[in-house]
Amino acid sequence: ILIPTAFSPNNDGTNDEFSVTGNDVQRLNMQVFDRWGNQVFETNNPQIAWDGTQKGKSLPMGTYTYYALITTNSNETLTKKGFVVLVR
């Protein structure tokens, strides 16, 4: 299971989205928060990534917090939390 520490949504085809990836991810609930604790993104689908926007508007560069509840193919539940840097 891979969770990047930074991404740059500049449409160059490299690191444009923030997501939890890996062959062992069966289910995912992930939330992303800004520095004030406001939720800016949420998904229950491992195929949906965050593109650095909220309600269609680009968010500023900075450090965001994520919380992910992951269920693996072997039904193991993992809790991951940390920081991701949005670079523009």
Protein backbone atom coordinates (compact mmCIF):
# COMPACT_ATOMS: atom_id res chain seq x y z
CA ILE A 1 0.00 0.00 0.00
CA LEU A 2 1.48 3.29 -1.11
CA ILE A 3 0.55 6.75 0.17
CA PRO A 4 2.55 9.65 -1.32
CA THR A 5 3.88 12.49 0.81
CA ALA A 6 3.47 15.13 -1.92
CA PHE A 7 1.72 15.70 -5.24
CA SER A 8 1.58 18.44 -7.86
CA PRO A 9 -1.74 18.79 -9.70
CA ASN A 10 -0.33 20.67 -12.70
CA ASN A 11 -1.65 18.31 -15.41
CA ASP A 12 1.79 17.15 -16.51
CA GLY A 13 0.78 13.50 -16.11
CA THR A 14 3.08 12.88 -13.13
CA ASN A 15 1.88 12.97 -9.50
CA ASP A 16 -1.24 14.96 -10.43
CA GLU A 17 -3.47 13.28 -7.82
CA PHE A 18 -3.28 12.10 -4.23
CA SER A 19 -4.53 8.58 -3.59
CA VAL A 20 -3.93 5.38 -1.67
CA THR A 21 -2.72 2.74 -4.10
CA GLY A 22 -1.79 -0.90 -4.01
CA ASN A 23 -2.98 -4.29 -5.20
CA ASP A 24 -4.17 -5.21 -1.70
CA VAL A 25 -6.69 -2.34 -1.23
CA GLN A 26 -10.22 -3.73 -1.26
CA ARG A 27 -12.09 -0.88 0.44
CA LEU A 28 -11.07 2.64 1.40
CA ASN A 29 -12.50 5.53 3.36
CA MET A 30 -10.18 8.52 3.09
CA GLN A 31 -10.60 12.08 4.26
CA VAL A 32 -8.30 15.07 3.66
CA PHE A 33 -8.27 18.17 5.87
CA ASP A 34 -6.75 21.64 5.56
CA ARG A 35 -4.59 23.18 8.30
CA TRP A 36 -7.67 24.47 10.12
CA GLY A 37 -9.25 21.04 10.28
CA ASN A 38 -11.84 21.63 7.54
CA GLN A 39 -12.55 18.58 5.42
CA VAL A 40 -11.63 19.32 1.80
CA PHE A 41 -12.01 15.84 0.28
CA GLU A 42 -13.56 12.46 1.06
CA THR A 43 -13.86 9.21 -0.86
CA ASN A 44 -15.10 5.69 -0.21
CA ASN A 45 -13.76 4.44 -3.53
CA PRO A 46 -10.09 3.42 -3.93
CA GLN A 47 -10.33 4.40 -7.62
CA ILE A 48 -11.11 8.05 -6.83
CA ALA A 49 -8.17 10.35 -6.09
CA TRP A 50 -7.95 13.92 -4.80
CA ASP A 51 -6.95 16.43 -7.47
CA GLY A 52 -6.13 19.32 -5.12
CA THR A 53 -9.49 21.02 -5.50
CA GLN A 54 -12.55 21.60 -3.33
CA LYS A 55 -15.91 22.21 -4.96
CA GLY A 56 -14.15 22.73 -8.30
CA LYS A 57 -11.72 25.37 -7.04
CA SER A 58 -7.96 24.88 -6.74
CA LEU A 59 -6.73 24.86 -3.17
CA PRO A 60 -3.51 26.68 -2.22
CA MET A 61 -0.13 25.05 -1.85
CA GLY A 62 0.45 23.73 1.61
CA THR A 63 0.38 20.77 3.93
CA TYR A 64 -2.84 18.82 4.31
CA THR A 65 -3.70 16.03 6.75
CA TYR A 66 -5.22 12.74 5.65
CA TYR A 67 -6.93 9.91 7.51
CA ALA A 68 -7.48 6.62 5.70
CA LEU A 69 -9.30 3.49 6.82
CA ILE A 70 -8.21 0.68 4.50
CA THR A 71 -9.58 -2.85 4.21
CA THR A 72 -7.21 -5.26 2.49
CA ASN A 73 -8.11 -8.23 0.31
CA SER A 74 -7.46 -10.47 3.34
CA ASN A 75 -10.01 -8.38 5.37
CA GLU A 76 -7.33 -6.78 7.51
CA THR A 77 -8.24 -3.23 8.56
CA LEU A 78 -5.47 -0.63 8.52
CA THR A 79 -5.64 2.93 9.80
CA LYS A 80 -3.22 5.36 8.19
CA LYS A 81 -2.88 9.05 8.94
CA GLY A 82 -0.32 11.62 8.01
CA PHE A 83 0.50 14.65 5.92
CA VAL A 84 0.59 15.32 2.19
CA VAL A 85 2.09 18.42 0.61
CA LEU A 86 0.22 20.01 -2.28
CA VAL A 87 2.75 21.70 -4.60
CA ARG A 88 1.69 24.07 -7.38
